[in-house]
Protein backbone atom coordinates (compact mmCIF):
# COMPACT_ATOMS: atom_id res chain seq x y z
CA MET A 1 -1.77 -19.01 16.88
CA GLU A 2 -4.64 -18.48 19.31
CA GLY A 3 -4.14 -16.59 22.55
CA ILE A 4 -1.20 -14.43 21.49
CA SER A 5 -2.79 -11.98 19.07
CA ARG A 6 -2.95 -8.31 19.80
CA PRO A 7 -6.47 -6.88 19.44
CA LEU A 8 -5.71 -4.16 16.92
CA ILE A 9 -2.68 -2.93 15.04
CA SER A 10 -2.92 0.44 13.30
CA LEU A 11 -0.71 0.70 10.27
CA PRO A 12 1.50 3.78 10.39
CA LYS A 13 1.12 6.63 7.96
CA ILE A 14 3.59 6.42 5.09
CA ASN A 15 6.61 8.48 6.13
CA LEU A 16 9.20 9.23 3.44
CA GLY A 17 11.24 11.49 5.70
CA HIS A 18 14.27 9.20 5.81
CA ILE A 19 14.08 8.50 2.08
CA HIS A 20 14.21 12.24 1.42
CA LEU A 21 17.09 12.61 3.90
CA LEU A 22 19.15 9.95 2.08
CA THR A 23 18.43 11.39 -1.38
CA ASP A 24 20.46 14.07 -3.15
CA ASP A 25 20.48 15.22 -6.77
CA VAL A 26 22.36 12.02 -7.79
CA GLY A 27 20.27 9.39 -6.09
CA LEU A 28 19.70 7.48 -2.87
CA ILE A 29 22.73 7.23 -0.57
CA GLN A 30 22.90 3.59 0.45
CA HIS A 31 24.19 3.76 4.04
CA SER A 32 23.83 5.96 7.08
CA TYR A 33 26.00 6.65 10.10
CA PHE A 34 23.43 6.35 12.84
CA CYS A 35 20.64 8.42 11.24
CA ILE A 36 22.61 10.70 8.90
CA PRO A 37 23.64 9.87 5.31
CA ASP A 38 27.10 8.27 5.17
CA ARG A 39 28.69 9.77 2.07
CA ASN A 40 31.66 7.40 2.35
CA TYR A 41 29.61 4.67 0.69
CA GLY A 42 27.88 6.48 -2.15
CA TYR A 43 24.97 4.98 -4.05
CA SER A 44 23.60 1.58 -5.07
CA SER A 45 21.41 0.56 -8.01
CA ASP A 46 20.04 -2.20 -5.74
CA ASP A 47 18.40 0.37 -3.52
CA MET A 48 17.10 2.58 -6.29
CA GLY A 49 15.53 -0.38 -8.08
CA ARG A 50 13.58 -1.47 -5.00
CA ALA A 51 12.77 2.11 -4.05
CA LEU A 52 11.03 2.56 -7.41
CA VAL A 53 8.61 -0.22 -6.41
CA VAL A 54 7.65 1.75 -3.31
CA LEU A 55 7.47 5.15 -5.00
CA ALA A 56 5.53 3.99 -8.05
CA ASP A 57 2.93 2.44 -5.76
CA ILE A 58 2.66 5.58 -3.61
CA TYR A 59 2.45 7.87 -6.61
CA ASN A 60 -0.23 5.70 -8.19
CA GLN A 61 -2.32 6.19 -5.05
CA ASP A 62 -1.62 9.84 -4.29
CA HIS A 63 0.09 11.67 -7.21
CA LYS A 64 2.34 13.77 -4.99
CA ASN A 65 4.91 15.87 -6.81
CA ASP A 66 7.67 15.13 -4.28
CA VAL A 67 7.29 11.41 -5.00
CA LEU A 68 7.42 12.05 -8.75
CA SER A 69 10.66 13.97 -8.23
CA LEU A 70 12.19 11.00 -6.41
CA ILE A 71 11.05 8.59 -9.14
CA THR A 72 12.62 10.83 -11.79
CA THR A 73 15.93 11.02 -9.88
CA TYR A 74 16.18 7.26 -9.35
CA LEU A 75 15.12 6.44 -12.90
CA SER A 76 17.73 8.85 -14.23
CA PHE A 77 20.40 7.20 -12.07
CA LEU A 78 19.51 3.74 -13.36
CA ARG A 79 19.51 4.87 -16.97
CA HIS A 80 23.02 6.24 -16.41
CA ALA A 81 24.02 3.00 -14.65
CA GLN A 82 22.90 0.74 -17.49
CA THR A 83 25.84 -0.55 -19.50
CA LYS A 84 26.07 -0.97 -23.27
CA ILE A 85 25.19 -4.66 -22.99
CA GLY A 86 22.14 -3.99 -20.84
CA HIS A 87 23.49 -4.85 -17.38
CA PHE A 88 23.77 -2.25 -14.60
CA HIS A 89 26.62 -0.91 -12.54
CA ASN A 90 25.69 -1.32 -8.89
CA PHE A 91 27.98 0.90 -6.84
CA MET A 92 28.80 4.55 -7.45
CA GLY A 93 31.06 6.51 -5.11
CA PHE A 94 30.10 9.91 -3.78
CA ASP A 95 32.46 11.32 -6.42
CA ARG A 96 30.01 10.05 -9.08
CA ARG A 97 32.36 7.36 -10.39
CA PHE A 98 31.10 3.82 -10.80
CA LEU A 99 33.08 1.36 -8.69
CA ASP A 100 32.35 -1.83 -10.63
CA LYS A 101 32.26 -3.09 -14.19
CA GLU A 102 28.75 -4.36 -13.57
CA GLY A 103 26.69 -5.48 -10.61
CA SER A 104 25.65 -8.99 -9.69
CA GLU A 105 22.73 -10.91 -11.13
CA ASP A 106 20.79 -9.86 -8.04
CA THR A 107 21.45 -6.23 -8.94
CA LEU A 108 20.05 -6.80 -12.41
CA GLY A 109 16.97 -8.48 -10.94
CA ARG A 110 16.36 -5.75 -8.37
CA VAL A 111 16.53 -3.06 -11.04
CA ILE A 112 14.06 -4.98 -13.23
CA PHE A 113 11.83 -5.28 -10.15
CA GLY A 114 11.67 -1.49 -9.94
CA LEU A 115 11.44 -0.80 -13.65
CA GLY A 116 8.54 -3.22 -14.02
CA HIS A 117 6.56 -1.25 -11.45
CA VAL A 118 7.32 1.98 -13.27
CA VAL A 119 5.95 0.41 -16.45
CA GLU A 120 2.81 -0.61 -14.57
CA LEU A 121 2.19 2.47 -12.44
CA ALA A 122 4.07 5.51 -13.80
CA SER A 123 2.11 8.67 -14.43
CA ASN A 124 2.81 9.16 -18.12
CA ASP A 125 3.57 7.24 -21.30
CA LYS A 126 7.07 8.69 -21.69
CA MET A 127 8.20 7.53 -18.27
CA ARG A 128 6.73 4.08 -18.86
CA ALA A 129 8.48 3.93 -22.25
CA ILE A 130 11.85 4.74 -20.67
CA ALA A 131 11.45 1.94 -18.13
CA LYS A 132 10.19 -0.54 -20.76
CA ASN A 133 13.12 0.27 -23.06
CA MET A 134 15.58 -0.36 -20.24
CA ILE A 135 13.98 -3.73 -19.50
CA GLU A 136 14.06 -4.72 -23.16
CA LYS A 137 17.72 -3.75 -23.40
CA SER A 138 18.40 -6.23 -20.58
CA SER A 139 16.08 -8.96 -21.85
CA HIS A 140 18.81 -11.13 -23.40
CA LEU A 141 20.52 -11.24 -19.99
CA LEU A 142 17.30 -12.05 -18.15
CA GLU A 143 16.90 -15.27 -20.13
CA ASN A 144 20.09 -16.76 -18.67
CA LEU A 145 20.04 -15.92 -14.98
CA LYS A 146 21.53 -18.54 -12.67
CA PHE A 147 20.78 -17.41 -9.12
CA PRO A 148 17.36 -17.90 -7.51
CA ARG A 149 16.94 -14.42 -6.05
CA ALA A 150 17.87 -12.78 -9.33
CA LYS A 151 15.22 -14.95 -10.99
CA ALA A 152 12.70 -14.01 -8.30
CA TYR A 153 13.25 -10.25 -8.57
CA THR A 154 13.01 -10.51 -12.33
CA ILE A 155 9.75 -12.44 -12.16
CA CYS A 156 8.26 -9.85 -9.79
CA GLY A 157 9.32 -7.01 -12.08
CA LEU A 158 8.12 -8.67 -15.28
CA TYR A 159 4.83 -9.60 -13.62
CA ALA A 160 4.19 -5.91 -12.93
CA ALA A 161 5.24 -4.84 -16.43
CA LEU A 162 3.08 -7.51 -18.07
CA LYS A 163 -0.07 -6.17 -16.43
CA ARG A 164 -0.11 -3.70 -19.31
CA SER A 165 0.30 -6.39 -21.96
CA GLU A 166 -2.41 -8.77 -23.19
CA ASP A 167 -0.06 -10.47 -25.65
CA VAL A 168 0.47 -14.05 -24.48
CA SER A 169 3.45 -14.29 -26.83
CA ASP A 170 5.14 -11.24 -25.30
CA PRO A 171 8.88 -12.07 -25.01
CA LEU A 172 8.88 -10.82 -21.42
CA ARG A 173 6.16 -13.33 -20.56
CA CYS A 174 8.32 -16.08 -22.04
CA ILE A 175 11.23 -15.00 -19.82
CA LEU A 176 8.97 -14.99 -16.74
CA THR A 177 7.79 -18.51 -17.52
CA LYS A 178 11.32 -19.77 -18.16
CA GLN A 179 12.64 -18.37 -14.88
CA SER A 180 9.63 -19.71 -12.95
CA ASP A 181 10.18 -23.19 -14.42
CA GLU A 182 13.82 -23.00 -13.40
CA LEU A 183 12.90 -22.06 -9.82
CA VAL A 184 10.64 -25.11 -9.68
CA SER A 185 13.54 -27.24 -10.97
CA LEU A 186 15.85 -25.82 -8.28
CA TYR A 187 13.27 -26.73 -5.67
CA LYS A 188 12.95 -30.29 -6.95
CA ASP A 189 16.73 -30.69 -7.12
CA ASN A 190 17.30 -29.52 -3.54
CA ARG A 191 14.28 -30.75 -1.57
CA GLN A 192 14.86 -33.44 1.02
CA LYS A 193 12.93 -34.80 3.95
CA GLU A 194 12.25 -31.85 6.27
CA TRP A 195 13.93 -29.52 3.75
CA ALA A 196 11.66 -27.76 1.24
CA TRP A 197 13.88 -25.11 -0.25
CA PHE A 198 15.55 -24.01 -3.51
CA GLU A 199 19.11 -24.31 -2.19
CA LYS A 200 20.99 -26.26 0.44
CA GLU A 201 21.19 -23.12 2.56
CA VAL A 202 18.63 -20.49 3.55
CA THR A 203 20.25 -17.06 3.45
CA TYR A 204 18.73 -13.60 2.86
CA GLY A 205 15.69 -12.12 1.15
CA ASN A 206 14.24 -15.62 1.08
CA ALA A 207 10.52 -14.98 0.82
CA SER A 208 10.95 -13.06 -2.43
CA ILE A 209 11.39 -16.42 -4.18
CA CYS A 210 8.11 -17.75 -2.78
CA GLU A 211 6.29 -14.55 -3.73
CA ALA A 212 7.71 -14.66 -7.26
CA LEU A 213 6.24 -18.11 -7.89
CA LEU A 214 2.88 -17.06 -6.48
CA LEU A 215 2.81 -14.06 -8.82
CA ALA A 216 3.83 -16.30 -11.71
CA PHE A 217 0.85 -18.51 -10.88
CA ASN A 218 -1.39 -15.43 -10.90
CA LEU A 219 -0.27 -14.66 -14.44
CA THR A 220 -0.03 -18.14 -15.98
CA LYS A 221 -2.38 -20.22 -13.77
CA ASN A 222 0.30 -22.93 -13.66
CA LEU A 223 -0.65 -24.81 -10.48
CA MET A 224 2.91 -26.07 -9.95
CA TYR A 225 4.06 -22.50 -9.32
CA LYS A 226 1.38 -22.08 -6.65
CA LYS A 227 2.19 -25.42 -5.04
CA VAL A 228 5.93 -24.78 -4.78
CA GLY A 229 5.42 -21.15 -3.72
CA LEU A 230 3.14 -22.13 -0.82
CA THR A 231 5.22 -25.19 0.17
CA THR A 232 8.43 -23.20 0.44
CA LEU A 233 6.67 -20.35 2.25
CA LYS A 234 5.41 -22.92 4.78
CA PHE A 235 9.00 -24.13 5.18
CA LEU A 236 10.22 -20.57 5.86
CA THR A 237 7.47 -20.16 8.44
CA LYS A 238 8.49 -23.36 10.20
CA CYS A 239 12.11 -22.18 10.26
CA GLN A 240 11.36 -18.76 11.73
CA TRP A 241 7.99 -18.54 13.51
CA ASN A 242 8.32 -19.77 17.12
CA GLY A 243 4.67 -19.30 18.09
CA GLU A 244 5.20 -15.86 19.61
CA PHE A 245 7.34 -13.92 17.15
CA PHE A 246 9.43 -14.29 14.03
CA ASP A 247 13.00 -15.21 14.96
CA LEU A 248 14.53 -14.53 11.56
CA ILE A 249 17.54 -16.34 10.13
CA GLY A 250 20.59 -14.16 10.77
CA ASN A 251 23.47 -13.38 8.45
CA GLU A 252 26.05 -14.55 10.99
CA GLY A 253 26.03 -18.11 9.67
CA TRP A 254 22.67 -18.44 7.88
CA TYR A 255 20.94 -21.86 8.01
CA ALA A 256 22.21 -24.89 6.10
CA ILE A 257 20.85 -28.42 5.88
CA GLY A 258 21.85 -30.25 9.04
CA GLY A 259 23.17 -27.05 10.58
CA LYS A 260 22.08 -24.65 13.26
CA LYS A 261 20.10 -21.53 12.43
CA ALA A 262 22.04 -18.31 12.95
CA ILE A 263 20.30 -16.10 15.47
CA TYR A 264 21.88 -12.69 14.95
CA GLY A 265 22.37 -10.41 12.04
CA GLN A 266 18.58 -10.47 11.53
CA GLN A 267 17.75 -7.97 8.81
CA PRO A 268 14.71 -5.88 7.80
CA ILE A 269 14.85 -7.33 4.29
CA ASP A 270 13.62 -10.68 5.61
CA ALA A 271 10.78 -9.27 7.70
CA GLY A 272 9.73 -7.05 4.80
CA TYR A 273 9.79 -9.78 2.17
CA LEU A 274 7.99 -12.23 4.47
CA THR A 275 5.20 -9.71 4.96
CA ARG A 276 4.84 -9.24 1.21
CA ALA A 277 4.85 -12.97 0.50
CA TYR A 278 2.18 -13.67 3.13
CA VAL A 279 -0.02 -10.89 1.77
CA THR A 280 0.32 -12.31 -1.74
CA ALA A 281 -0.49 -15.80 -0.45
CA TYR A 282 -3.57 -14.42 1.29
CA GLU A 283 -4.72 -12.65 -1.87
CA ILE A 284 -4.36 -15.84 -3.90
CA THR A 285 -5.78 -18.38 -1.44
CA GLY A 286 -8.12 -16.34 0.77
CA ASP A 287 -6.68 -18.23 3.76
CA ARG A 288 -6.66 -15.88 6.74
CA GLN A 289 -3.65 -17.59 8.37
CA TYR A 290 -1.49 -15.78 5.82
CA LEU A 291 -2.99 -12.44 6.83
CA ASP A 292 -2.19 -13.19 10.47
CA LEU A 293 1.36 -14.23 9.58
CA ALA A 294 1.80 -11.05 7.55
CA LYS A 295 0.83 -9.03 10.62
CA TYR A 296 3.24 -10.92 12.85
CA ALA A 297 6.09 -10.54 10.35
CA PHE A 298 5.43 -6.80 10.13
CA GLU A 299 5.35 -6.50 13.91
CA TRP A 300 9.02 -7.59 13.92
CA PHE A 301 9.75 -3.95 13.06
CA PHE A 302 7.80 -2.78 16.12
CA GLY A 303 9.39 -4.99 18.74
CA ARG A 304 7.77 -8.38 18.26
CA ASN A 305 11.23 -9.91 17.91
CA ARG A 306 13.97 -11.66 19.85
CA LEU A 307 15.13 -8.46 21.56
CA ASP A 308 11.62 -7.11 22.18
CA THR A 309 12.87 -3.83 20.72
CA PRO A 310 11.42 -1.73 17.88
CA LEU A 311 13.48 -0.90 14.80
CA TYR A 312 11.10 1.65 13.26
CA ASP A 313 11.20 5.34 14.23
CA SER A 314 7.81 6.85 13.49
CA ASP A 315 9.10 10.42 13.88
CA THR A 316 11.76 10.19 11.16
CA GLY A 317 10.58 7.20 9.11
CA ALA A 318 14.00 5.56 9.61
CA VAL A 319 14.48 1.83 10.23
CA SER A 320 17.45 0.32 12.03
CA ASP A 321 19.63 -2.07 10.06
CA GLY A 322 19.00 -5.19 12.12
CA LEU A 323 19.28 -7.19 15.33
CA ASP A 324 22.87 -7.87 16.40
CA PRO A 325 24.34 -9.70 19.41
CA ASP A 326 24.85 -6.40 21.23
CA GLY A 327 21.41 -5.01 20.42
CA VAL A 328 19.66 -3.15 17.63
CA ASN A 329 22.00 -1.84 14.94
CA SER A 330 22.13 1.94 15.31
CA ASN A 331 22.62 2.65 11.60
CA CYS A 332 19.59 3.21 9.39
CA GLY A 333 20.40 2.55 5.74
CA ALA A 334 18.37 2.70 2.56
CA GLU A 335 17.64 -1.04 2.25
CA SER A 336 16.08 -1.14 5.71
CA VAL A 337 13.56 1.65 5.19
CA ILE A 338 12.74 0.48 1.65
CA CYS A 339 11.94 -3.05 2.86
CA PHE A 340 9.78 -1.65 5.65
CA LEU A 341 7.82 0.43 3.14
CA LEU A 342 7.47 -2.53 0.77
CA ALA A 343 5.86 -4.46 3.62
CA LEU A 344 3.66 -1.56 4.72
CA LEU A 345 2.31 -0.94 1.23
CA SER A 346 1.46 -4.63 0.80
CA LEU A 347 -0.56 -4.53 4.04
CA TYR A 348 -2.43 -1.46 2.86
CA ARG A 349 -3.73 -3.55 -0.04
CA VAL A 350 -5.59 -5.91 2.29
CA SER A 351 -6.48 -3.68 5.22
CA PRO A 352 -9.69 -1.76 5.87
CA LYS A 353 -9.45 1.94 6.70
CA ASN A 354 -9.97 3.60 10.06
CA ASN A 355 -11.80 6.88 10.45
CA LYS A 356 -8.63 8.80 9.61
CA GLY A 357 -8.19 6.96 6.34
CA TRP A 358 -5.24 4.84 7.44
CA GLY A 359 -5.09 1.08 7.32
CA VAL A 360 -5.76 -1.14 10.31
CA LEU A 361 -5.28 -4.86 10.86
CA TYR A 362 -7.84 -6.63 12.97
CA THR A 363 -7.06 -9.88 14.72
CA ASP A 364 -10.55 -11.33 14.41
CA THR A 365 -11.92 -9.59 11.33
CA VAL A 366 -10.71 -10.37 7.87
CA PRO A 367 -11.25 -7.50 5.42
């Protein structure tokens, strides 16, 4: 990777302008029409689960009342969305009516992802208790997840929640271990020569699975989790890093064994999750290549991509929804800005501060 690095990248100030724009007294509106909330599509538990990860982290650092208000709104939405059996509705129309009996397994995992961070970082015992109770109500469902991304989100959420528990027999720890073992089994079942992945197709949000196993290693010290997490992250890098920029796998065909990688329909979720996974790998291994890769993955948002065009708007805090055949997608939905913020906050963990107090990433200096 020598010869192509930029000398200094300043991390942008956290801008929640677009999050505030998309939020009303019900929750976070999931889509936008260009840069304005699109009320035709209502709300999604997926988005509010992941947004809680961002907001809990920000509030833990800064204790701003406007962030606490957002956390309260999203937590209230999710409590209302939880069904009697512990699952969650995903979609609610703008008329405040749920549009599904229950969401997918991924929805359940994404909500647990957010609730776990509330348990870890929330400002008071009552708020943490609400989130913990919601997780426990879902626990019997978490034991029997089938899909790898649902397992990964759940592991990430439980890892955060378990930071407040020293009980090695905690039932949530047992669920985390079970799901981590099952991810390793999926990897072993699907790996082939030149194919080191959990499925026979690489689709979306891929790096979250790698990160989940690395976090599971951090908790349990099971070296197999670390080995598989780093091996599959290396495979994702090989699939998408071309030596100059990350050319992400697009949703217009994905990438299957023996197939051709889809170029367009590249989404912020993949750049954001890659950044987080590389940061976690760097924290665990101390290997600076992961810090460099995290920077390159994050720069996808700023134009280091196939179209050489930025997706992030520093004035509004909005993020475009992806790279399409005809250019950058003009809409700026909730998932896009949340995944950008997830990546940004992970980089803040490993970046020194400049004289204004904001994080910077040096090419030749590891913090």
